[in-house]
N, C-alpha and C. Protein backbone atom coordinates (compact mmCIF):
# COMPACT_ATOMS: atom_id res chain seq x y z
N MET A 1 3.74 9.69 -22.95
CA MET A 1 3.29 8.27 -23.29
C MET A 1 1.71 9.23 -22.22
N ASN A 2 0.84 8.25 -22.53
CA ASN A 2 -0.22 8.30 -22.18
C ASN A 2 -0.92 6.83 -21.67
N PHE A 3 -1.51 6.46 -20.78
CA PHE A 3 -2.28 4.81 -20.61
C PHE A 3 -3.36 5.20 -19.41
N ASP A 4 -4.23 4.24 -19.49
CA ASP A 4 -5.50 3.77 -18.74
C ASP A 4 -5.17 2.74 -17.88
N THR A 5 -5.67 2.96 -16.33
CA THR A 5 -5.58 1.43 -15.67
C THR A 5 -7.00 1.57 -14.90
N ALA A 6 -7.63 0.68 -14.25
CA ALA A 6 -8.23 0.41 -13.36
C ALA A 6 -8.16 -0.59 -12.53
N ILE A 7 -9.23 -0.14 -11.63
CA ILE A 7 -8.95 -1.47 -10.28
C ILE A 7 -10.35 -1.63 -9.50
N ARG A 8 -10.93 -2.57 -9.34
CA ARG A 8 -12.07 -3.12 -8.68
C ARG A 8 -11.93 -3.07 -7.21
N ILE A 9 -12.09 -2.08 -6.29
CA ILE A 9 -12.17 -2.17 -4.62
C ILE A 9 -13.53 -2.10 -3.72
N LYS A 10 -13.60 -3.36 -3.14
CA LYS A 10 -14.61 -3.69 -2.33
C LYS A 10 -14.66 -2.76 -1.23
N ARG A 11 -15.07 -1.68 -1.36
CA ARG A 11 -15.31 -0.60 -0.29
C ARG A 11 -16.04 0.63 -1.00
N PRO A 12 -17.19 1.06 -0.28
CA PRO A 12 -17.90 2.29 -0.62
C PRO A 12 -16.97 3.49 -1.16
N VAL A 13 -17.82 3.98 -2.26
CA VAL A 13 -17.00 4.75 -3.23
C VAL A 13 -16.32 6.23 -2.11
N GLU A 14 -17.07 6.27 -1.42
CA GLU A 14 -16.84 7.87 -0.51
C GLU A 14 -15.51 7.51 0.33
N GLN A 15 -15.54 6.37 0.76
CA GLN A 15 -14.46 5.94 1.60
C GLN A 15 -13.12 5.64 0.58
N VAL A 16 -13.43 5.36 -0.65
CA VAL A 16 -12.20 5.17 -1.73
C VAL A 16 -11.46 6.36 -2.40
N PHE A 17 -12.36 6.78 -2.37
CA PHE A 17 -12.51 8.59 -2.92
C PHE A 17 -11.53 9.25 -1.55
N ASP A 18 -12.29 9.67 -0.35
CA ASP A 18 -11.08 9.76 0.66
C ASP A 18 -9.83 9.66 0.80
N TYR A 19 -9.60 8.35 0.87
CA TYR A 19 -8.41 7.60 1.00
C TYR A 19 -7.40 8.15 0.02
N VAL A 20 -8.25 7.87 -1.56
CA VAL A 20 -7.01 8.25 -3.01
C VAL A 20 -7.11 9.47 -2.62
N SER A 21 -8.03 10.41 -2.80
CA SER A 21 -7.76 12.26 -2.96
C SER A 21 -6.93 12.76 -1.97
N ASP A 22 -6.13 12.07 -0.71
CA ASP A 22 -5.44 12.83 0.37
C ASP A 22 -4.23 12.30 -0.21
N PRO A 23 -3.41 13.09 -0.75
CA PRO A 23 -1.90 13.31 -0.89
C PRO A 23 -0.96 12.81 0.30
N GLY A 24 -1.73 12.66 1.36
CA GLY A 24 -0.83 12.34 2.45
C GLY A 24 -0.89 11.09 2.49
N ASN A 25 -1.42 10.26 1.74
CA ASN A 25 -1.82 9.09 2.06
C ASN A 25 -0.74 8.30 0.81
N PHE A 26 -0.18 8.81 -0.68
CA PHE A 26 0.52 8.36 -1.42
C PHE A 26 1.66 7.42 -0.99
N PRO A 27 2.52 8.19 0.05
CA PRO A 27 3.50 7.32 0.69
C PRO A 27 3.35 6.00 1.16
N ARG A 28 1.83 5.73 1.57
CA ARG A 28 1.44 4.47 2.18
C ARG A 28 0.86 3.03 1.13
N TRP A 29 0.79 3.86 -0.48
CA TRP A 29 -0.09 2.89 -1.34
C TRP A 29 0.87 2.90 -2.92
N ASN A 30 1.60 4.10 -2.57
CA ASN A 30 2.48 4.55 -4.14
C ASN A 30 4.22 4.00 -3.44
N SER A 31 4.40 3.08 -4.49
CA SER A 31 5.88 2.64 -3.87
C SER A 31 7.20 3.66 -4.14
N ALA A 32 6.76 4.44 -5.31
CA ALA A 32 7.72 5.29 -5.48
C ALA A 32 7.66 6.48 -4.71
N VAL A 33 6.30 7.17 -4.42
CA VAL A 33 6.45 7.98 -3.22
C VAL A 33 7.24 7.86 -1.65
N GLN A 34 8.15 8.85 -1.31
CA GLN A 34 8.81 8.29 -0.12
C GLN A 34 8.16 9.19 0.79
N ALA A 35 7.96 11.09 0.40
CA ALA A 35 7.35 11.94 1.37
C ALA A 35 6.42 12.63 0.61
N MET A 36 5.50 13.31 1.56
CA MET A 36 4.43 13.95 1.12
C MET A 36 4.18 15.38 1.89
N THR A 37 4.91 16.44 1.46
CA THR A 37 4.39 17.49 2.24
C THR A 37 3.41 18.68 2.06
N ALA A 38 2.44 19.10 2.56
CA ALA A 38 1.50 20.35 2.30
C ALA A 38 2.32 21.31 2.06
N THR A 39 2.20 22.16 1.06
CA THR A 39 2.92 23.53 1.21
C THR A 39 1.64 24.43 1.30
N SER A 40 0.83 23.90 1.08
CA SER A 40 -0.63 25.59 0.63
C SER A 40 -1.73 24.61 0.73
N GLY A 41 -2.95 24.88 1.24
CA GLY A 41 -4.26 24.23 1.20
C GLY A 41 -4.61 22.83 2.64
N LYS A 42 -5.51 22.63 1.83
CA LYS A 42 -5.75 21.30 3.09
C LYS A 42 -6.22 20.34 1.98
N GLY A 43 -5.98 20.14 0.84
CA GLY A 43 -6.27 19.08 -0.04
C GLY A 43 -7.48 19.28 -1.18
N GLU A 44 -8.03 20.35 -1.06
CA GLU A 44 -9.08 20.93 -1.98
C GLU A 44 -8.35 21.33 -3.06
N ARG A 45 -9.04 21.60 -3.97
CA ARG A 45 -8.28 22.27 -5.13
C ARG A 45 -7.56 23.50 -5.40
N GLY A 46 -6.45 23.28 -5.94
CA GLY A 46 -5.24 24.18 -5.75
C GLY A 46 -4.45 24.14 -4.87
N SER A 47 -4.80 23.15 -3.55
CA SER A 47 -3.69 23.02 -2.70
C SER A 47 -2.33 22.52 -3.11
N THR A 48 -1.12 22.39 -2.99
CA THR A 48 -0.05 22.33 -3.32
C THR A 48 0.76 21.31 -2.12
N TYR A 49 1.61 20.57 -2.87
CA TYR A 49 2.67 19.59 -1.91
C TYR A 49 3.93 19.88 -2.59
N LEU A 50 4.69 19.19 -1.60
CA LEU A 50 5.84 18.51 -2.08
C LEU A 50 5.99 17.30 -1.96
N MET A 51 6.55 16.54 -3.04
CA MET A 51 6.61 15.33 -3.11
C MET A 51 7.65 14.90 -3.60
N GLN A 52 8.43 13.48 -2.72
CA GLN A 52 9.56 13.01 -2.67
C GLN A 52 9.70 11.90 -3.44
N ARG A 53 10.14 11.20 -4.39
CA ARG A 53 10.15 9.89 -4.85
C ARG A 53 11.69 9.54 -5.24
N ASP A 54 11.25 8.23 -5.34
CA ASP A 54 12.51 7.31 -5.63
C ASP A 54 12.22 6.62 -6.85
N LEU A 55 12.95 6.93 -7.83
CA LEU A 55 13.03 6.81 -9.43
C LEU A 55 14.18 6.09 -9.85
N PRO A 56 14.14 5.28 -10.65
CA PRO A 56 14.82 4.67 -11.00
C PRO A 56 16.46 5.10 -11.50
N ALA A 57 16.41 6.62 -11.68
CA ALA A 57 17.39 7.72 -11.81
C ALA A 57 17.77 8.30 -10.57
N GLY A 58 17.16 7.92 -9.42
CA GLY A 58 17.89 8.21 -8.32
C GLY A 58 16.28 9.65 -7.57
N ARG A 59 16.59 9.59 -6.03
CA ARG A 59 15.81 10.29 -5.60
C ARG A 59 15.47 11.86 -6.49
N ALA A 60 13.91 12.15 -6.51
CA ALA A 60 13.75 13.68 -7.04
C ALA A 60 12.65 14.16 -6.26
N SER A 61 12.25 15.11 -6.75
CA SER A 61 11.54 16.10 -5.83
C SER A 61 10.69 16.71 -7.23
N ASN A 62 9.56 16.61 -6.74
CA ASN A 62 8.51 17.79 -7.21
C ASN A 62 7.39 18.21 -6.71
N ASP A 63 6.87 19.23 -7.45
CA ASP A 63 5.97 20.16 -6.63
C ASP A 63 4.64 19.57 -7.41
N LEU A 64 3.30 19.09 -6.70
CA LEU A 64 2.27 19.01 -6.87
C LEU A 64 1.37 19.44 -6.66
N GLU A 65 0.56 19.47 -7.52
CA GLU A 65 -0.75 20.66 -7.49
C GLU A 65 -2.38 19.57 -7.44
N VAL A 66 -3.10 20.02 -6.41
CA VAL A 66 -4.44 19.51 -7.00
C VAL A 66 -5.27 20.23 -7.89
N ILE A 67 -5.72 20.00 -8.90
CA ILE A 67 -6.54 20.97 -10.06
C ILE A 67 -7.85 20.17 -10.09
N GLU A 68 -8.44 19.28 -9.34
CA GLU A 68 -10.03 19.03 -9.30
C GLU A 68 -9.93 18.01 -8.08
N ARG A 69 -11.02 18.25 -7.75
CA ARG A 69 -11.23 17.09 -6.23
C ARG A 69 -12.97 17.56 -6.02
N GLU A 70 -13.83 16.66 -6.82
CA GLU A 70 -15.07 16.12 -6.56
C GLU A 70 -15.53 15.36 -6.28
N ARG A 71 -15.78 15.09 -4.81
CA ARG A 71 -16.59 14.01 -3.93
C ARG A 71 -17.37 13.87 -4.07
N PRO A 72 -17.60 12.53 -4.33
CA PRO A 72 -16.56 10.94 -4.62
C PRO A 72 -16.45 10.94 -6.11
N THR A 73 -16.23 11.55 -6.67
CA THR A 73 -15.98 11.23 -8.05
C THR A 73 -15.13 10.98 -8.95
N ARG A 74 -14.25 12.74 -8.93
CA ARG A 74 -13.22 12.89 -9.45
C ARG A 74 -12.17 13.74 -9.00
N PHE A 75 -10.80 13.10 -9.35
CA PHE A 75 -9.75 13.98 -8.49
C PHE A 75 -8.64 13.61 -9.69
N THR A 76 -8.11 15.23 -9.62
CA THR A 76 -6.95 15.26 -10.66
C THR A 76 -5.77 16.05 -9.86
N ILE A 77 -4.68 15.51 -10.15
CA ILE A 77 -3.00 15.97 -9.54
C ILE A 77 -2.63 15.97 -11.03
N ARG A 78 -1.47 17.29 -10.95
CA ARG A 78 -0.29 17.58 -11.72
C ARG A 78 1.00 17.95 -10.80
N THR A 79 1.84 17.48 -11.75
CA THR A 79 3.15 17.78 -11.32
C THR A 79 3.06 19.93 -11.92
N THR A 80 4.04 20.34 -10.95
CA THR A 80 4.24 21.97 -11.87
C THR A 80 5.68 21.94 -11.44
N SER A 81 6.45 21.18 -11.37
CA SER A 81 7.97 21.19 -11.30
C SER A 81 8.63 19.88 -11.12
N GLY A 82 10.11 19.75 -11.23
CA GLY A 82 10.42 18.44 -10.98
C GLY A 82 10.60 17.36 -12.56
N PRO A 83 11.05 16.29 -12.34
CA PRO A 83 11.46 15.58 -13.41
C PRO A 83 10.16 14.39 -13.45
N THR A 84 10.03 14.18 -14.54
CA THR A 84 8.79 13.38 -15.12
C THR A 84 7.27 13.90 -14.59
N PRO A 85 7.29 15.00 -15.41
CA PRO A 85 5.84 15.45 -15.25
C PRO A 85 4.94 14.40 -15.74
N PHE A 86 3.63 14.90 -14.64
CA PHE A 86 2.64 14.13 -15.17
C PHE A 86 1.50 15.06 -14.63
N LEU A 87 0.23 14.02 -15.23
CA LEU A 87 -1.37 14.83 -15.21
C LEU A 87 -2.21 13.56 -15.04
N TYR A 88 -2.74 13.14 -13.66
CA TYR A 88 -3.35 11.93 -13.48
C TYR A 88 -4.43 12.69 -13.20
N ARG A 89 -5.52 11.74 -13.76
CA ARG A 89 -6.59 12.17 -13.80
C ARG A 89 -7.78 10.85 -13.06
N TYR A 90 -8.16 10.91 -11.83
CA TYR A 90 -8.71 9.65 -11.45
C TYR A 90 -10.74 9.73 -11.50
N ARG A 91 -10.96 9.13 -11.60
CA ARG A 91 -12.53 8.43 -11.95
C ARG A 91 -12.73 7.76 -11.10
N PHE A 92 -14.09 7.96 -9.90
CA PHE A 92 -14.45 6.66 -9.49
C PHE A 92 -15.76 6.78 -9.31
N ASP A 93 -16.52 5.06 -9.81
CA ASP A 93 -17.65 4.80 -9.49
C ASP A 93 -17.91 3.72 -8.97
N THR A 94 -19.42 3.39 -8.33
CA THR A 94 -20.14 2.59 -7.76
C THR A 94 -20.19 1.46 -8.54
N GLU A 95 -20.08 0.19 -8.34
CA GLU A 95 -20.09 -0.78 -9.09
C GLU A 95 -20.72 -2.01 -8.24
N ALA A 96 -21.60 -2.40 -8.13
CA ALA A 96 -22.61 -3.16 -7.09
C ALA A 96 -22.21 -2.99 -5.67
N ASP A 97 -21.38 -3.94 -5.20
CA ASP A 97 -20.41 -3.59 -3.84
C ASP A 97 -19.46 -3.15 -3.78
N ALA A 98 -18.61 -2.58 -4.81
CA ALA A 98 -17.14 -2.19 -4.71
C ALA A 98 -17.20 -0.60 -5.35
N THR A 99 -15.80 0.02 -5.65
CA THR A 99 -15.78 1.30 -6.43
C THR A 99 -15.06 0.39 -7.22
N LEU A 100 -15.18 1.58 -8.49
CA LEU A 100 -14.08 1.31 -9.93
C LEU A 100 -13.20 2.84 -9.68
N VAL A 101 -12.41 2.14 -9.60
CA VAL A 101 -11.19 3.59 -9.53
C VAL A 101 -10.60 3.51 -11.13
N GLU A 102 -10.54 4.30 -11.87
CA GLU A 102 -10.23 4.48 -13.41
C GLU A 102 -9.35 5.72 -13.10
N LEU A 103 -8.36 5.21 -14.27
CA LEU A 103 -7.01 6.39 -13.81
C LEU A 103 -6.60 6.72 -15.68
N ALA A 104 -6.54 7.97 -15.95
CA ALA A 104 -6.03 8.09 -17.01
C ALA A 104 -4.64 9.00 -16.59
N ALA A 105 -3.70 8.40 -17.36
CA ALA A 105 -2.28 9.27 -16.95
C ALA A 105 -1.63 9.75 -18.02
N ASP A 106 -1.14 11.09 -17.96
CA ASP A 106 -0.25 11.68 -18.90
C ASP A 106 0.83 11.62 -18.46
N VAL A 107 2.28 11.12 -18.98
CA VAL A 107 3.70 11.19 -17.93
C VAL A 107 4.11 11.43 -19.52
N GLU A 108 5.03 12.81 -19.00
CA GLU A 108 6.10 13.08 -20.06
C GLU A 108 7.26 12.33 -19.53
N LEU A 109 8.18 11.71 -20.56
CA LEU A 109 9.61 11.15 -20.48
C LEU A 109 10.57 11.50 -21.08
N SER A 110 11.70 12.00 -20.54
CA SER A 110 12.69 12.68 -21.37
C SER A 110 13.90 11.42 -21.31
N GLY A 111 14.90 11.88 -22.32
CA GLY A 111 16.24 11.24 -22.29
C GLY A 111 16.16 9.95 -22.94
N LEU A 112 16.54 8.75 -22.04
CA LEU A 112 16.44 7.92 -22.40
C LEU A 112 15.50 6.86 -22.38
N ALA A 113 14.62 7.22 -20.88
CA ALA A 113 13.28 7.06 -21.08
C ALA A 113 12.37 7.17 -22.07
N GLY A 114 11.99 8.63 -22.55
CA GLY A 114 11.50 8.99 -23.36
C GLY A 114 11.82 8.30 -24.55
N ALA A 115 12.89 7.83 -25.24
CA ALA A 115 13.65 7.42 -26.31
C ALA A 115 13.23 5.52 -26.36
N LEU A 116 12.94 5.38 -25.36
CA LEU A 116 12.40 3.68 -25.28
C LEU A 116 11.03 3.41 -25.20
N GLY A 117 10.09 4.93 -25.21
CA GLY A 117 8.90 4.74 -25.67
C GLY A 117 8.05 3.85 -25.09
N PRO A 118 7.64 3.01 -25.83
CA PRO A 118 6.52 1.32 -25.52
C PRO A 118 6.95 0.84 -24.63
N VAL A 119 8.27 0.33 -24.46
CA VAL A 119 8.93 -0.30 -23.40
C VAL A 119 8.97 0.37 -21.78
N THR A 120 9.56 1.61 -21.98
CA THR A 120 8.90 2.42 -21.00
C THR A 120 7.52 2.40 -20.29
N SER A 121 6.83 2.76 -20.90
CA SER A 121 5.28 2.83 -20.97
C SER A 121 4.80 1.76 -20.26
N ARG A 122 5.03 0.36 -20.86
CA ARG A 122 4.97 -0.55 -20.00
C ARG A 122 5.69 -1.13 -18.75
N VAL A 123 6.54 -0.44 -18.42
CA VAL A 123 6.73 -0.72 -16.75
C VAL A 123 6.49 0.46 -16.29
N VAL A 124 5.77 1.71 -16.51
CA VAL A 124 5.41 2.45 -16.10
C VAL A 124 4.14 2.07 -15.52
N LYS A 125 3.50 1.99 -16.24
CA LYS A 125 1.78 1.17 -16.04
C LYS A 125 2.21 -0.15 -15.26
N ARG A 126 3.02 -0.95 -15.31
CA ARG A 126 3.15 -2.18 -14.52
C ARG A 126 3.44 -1.82 -12.79
N GLY A 127 4.01 -0.40 -13.09
CA GLY A 127 4.24 0.05 -11.39
C GLY A 127 3.23 0.43 -10.82
N VAL A 128 2.24 1.21 -11.74
CA VAL A 128 0.93 1.91 -11.21
C VAL A 128 0.32 0.84 -11.14
N ASP A 129 0.06 -0.33 -11.94
CA ASP A 129 -0.65 -1.36 -11.55
C ASP A 129 -0.25 -1.90 -9.93
N ALA A 130 0.73 -2.14 -9.82
CA ALA A 130 1.51 -2.46 -8.73
C ALA A 130 0.61 -2.01 -7.73
N ASN A 131 0.87 -0.74 -7.74
CA ASN A 131 0.48 0.39 -6.91
C ASN A 131 -0.76 0.14 -6.45
N PHE A 132 -1.81 0.04 -7.57
CA PHE A 132 -3.07 0.28 -7.40
C PHE A 132 -3.56 -1.18 -6.42
N ALA A 133 -2.69 -2.43 -6.76
CA ALA A 133 -3.26 -3.48 -6.14
C ALA A 133 -2.48 -3.09 -4.61
N THR A 134 -1.72 -2.86 -4.33
CA THR A 134 -1.54 -2.14 -2.57
C THR A 134 -2.45 -1.25 -2.25
N LEU A 135 -2.96 -0.60 -3.02
CA LEU A 135 -4.12 0.31 -2.55
C LEU A 135 -5.40 -1.06 -2.40
N LYS A 136 -5.87 -2.05 -3.06
CA LYS A 136 -6.88 -2.45 -2.86
C LYS A 136 -6.66 -3.54 -1.52
N GLN A 137 -5.30 -3.99 -1.71
CA GLN A 137 -4.88 -4.70 -0.35
C GLN A 137 -5.20 -3.62 1.10
N ILE A 138 -4.57 -2.18 1.29
CA ILE A 138 -5.08 -1.88 1.71
C ILE A 138 -6.38 -1.35 2.62
N LEU A 139 -7.65 -0.75 1.56
CA LEU A 139 -8.36 -0.44 1.70
C LEU A 139 -9.20 -1.66 2.03
N GLU A 140 -9.19 -3.13 1.44
CA GLU A 140 -9.68 -4.06 1.42
C GLU A 140 -9.50 -4.76 2.94
N SER A 141 -8.30 -4.23 3.62
CA SER A 141 -8.56 -5.20 4.63
C SER A 141 -8.59 -4.20 5.76
N SER A 142 -8.87 -2.84 5.62
CA SER A 142 -9.17 -1.88 6.39
C SER A 142 -10.91 -1.92 7.20
N GLY A 143 -11.54 -2.49 6.41
CA GLY A 143 -13.02 -2.86 6.63
C GLY A 143 -13.51 -3.65 7.68
């Protein structure tokens, strides 16, 4: 399943990039992520993390790797183990007095979630959009 989404955040691109590209911040703005523990590196390319998530099927653990981090324009992560494998490609662009955050997501769904296809895709994208709204609220209120 692939989808794209975006949000405009009224903060400088460097600030938005630094916040989003720090996996330690994921539990603050991503409702599914309950905990993120660094297992190697300090956030740069090649760094790895153990991510604990609450999914509809229950608690899940994924190993996560930073595969691209080019400040302040690109940040890419992927899971290397665990359920619901995904690759998230974030792009950051200055747009007037704000930052445009774009996400291209590739998510592998199996079982019933995979069989439901478009329905599951809409549900996952809606969750990501809600997380982006939380991210926007956090960053715009911190100014």
